[in-house]
């Protein structure tokens, strides 16, 4: 049986799963925001977009 402290802590901070969901929510929102734009691309346009992303990442590194 869980201690009173752990029950109170879970109530205040949420479970580990709830904290992980909260941490990932901004990423999910961003993915959902750009999904229609990406879905509308042709295969060739998508390949070009991926190449652009890779170039941007390489420039950062």
Protein backbone atom coordinates (compact mmCIF):
# COMPACT_ATOMS: atom_id res chain seq x y z
CA UNK A 1 0.00 0.00 0.00
CA UNK A 2 1.33 3.43 -0.92
CA UNK A 3 2.35 5.75 1.86
CA UNK A 4 0.41 8.92 2.55
CA UNK A 5 3.40 10.97 1.39
CA UNK A 6 3.55 9.26 -2.00
CA UNK A 7 -0.19 9.74 -2.47
CA UNK A 8 0.08 13.44 -1.68
CA UNK A 9 3.17 13.82 -3.89
CA UNK A 10 1.39 12.09 -6.79
CA UNK A 11 -1.62 14.36 -6.28
CA UNK A 12 0.59 17.49 -6.39
CA UNK A 13 3.16 16.51 -9.05
CA UNK A 14 1.25 13.85 -10.99
CA UNK A 15 2.35 10.33 -11.77
CA UNK A 16 5.52 9.68 -13.76
CA UNK A 17 3.35 9.01 -16.81
CA UNK A 18 1.45 12.29 -16.37
CA UNK A 19 4.73 14.22 -16.06
CA UNK A 20 6.08 12.56 -19.22
CA UNK A 21 2.91 13.43 -21.14
CA UNK A 22 3.18 17.03 -19.95
CA UNK A 23 6.83 17.15 -21.05
CA UNK A 24 6.01 15.81 -24.52
CA UNK A 25 2.88 17.91 -25.11
CA UNK A 26 4.70 20.86 -26.83
CA UNK A 27 6.34 18.44 -29.30
CA UNK A 28 3.00 16.78 -30.05
CA UNK A 29 1.36 20.17 -30.57
CA UNK A 30 4.12 21.22 -32.99
CA UNK A 31 3.83 17.95 -34.94
CA UNK A 32 0.06 18.38 -35.17
CA UNK A 33 0.55 21.98 -36.34
CA UNK A 34 2.84 21.08 -39.27
CA UNK A 35 1.20 17.75 -40.23
CA UNK A 36 -1.24 19.20 -42.83
CA UNK A 37 1.60 21.09 -44.55
CA UNK A 38 3.83 18.01 -44.71
CA UNK A 39 1.00 15.70 -45.82
CA UNK A 40 0.29 17.97 -48.78
CA UNK A 41 3.83 17.62 -50.16
CA UNK A 42 4.57 15.33 -53.08
CA UNK A 43 7.23 12.65 -52.64
CA UNK A 44 9.81 14.82 -54.42
CA UNK A 45 8.90 17.89 -52.34
CA UNK A 46 9.15 15.80 -49.18
CA UNK A 47 12.60 14.53 -50.20
CA UNK A 48 13.69 18.15 -50.77
CA UNK A 49 12.27 19.20 -47.39
CA UNK A 50 14.14 16.36 -45.65
CA UNK A 51 17.37 17.40 -47.39
CA UNK A 52 16.77 20.97 -46.18
CA UNK A 53 16.23 19.76 -42.60
CA UNK A 54 19.40 17.66 -42.73
CA UNK A 55 21.38 20.66 -43.99
CA UNK A 56 19.97 22.83 -41.17
CA UNK A 57 20.88 20.20 -38.58
CA UNK A 58 24.39 19.83 -40.00
CA UNK A 59 24.84 23.61 -39.82
CA UNK A 60 23.86 23.57 -36.15
CA UNK A 61 26.26 20.75 -35.30
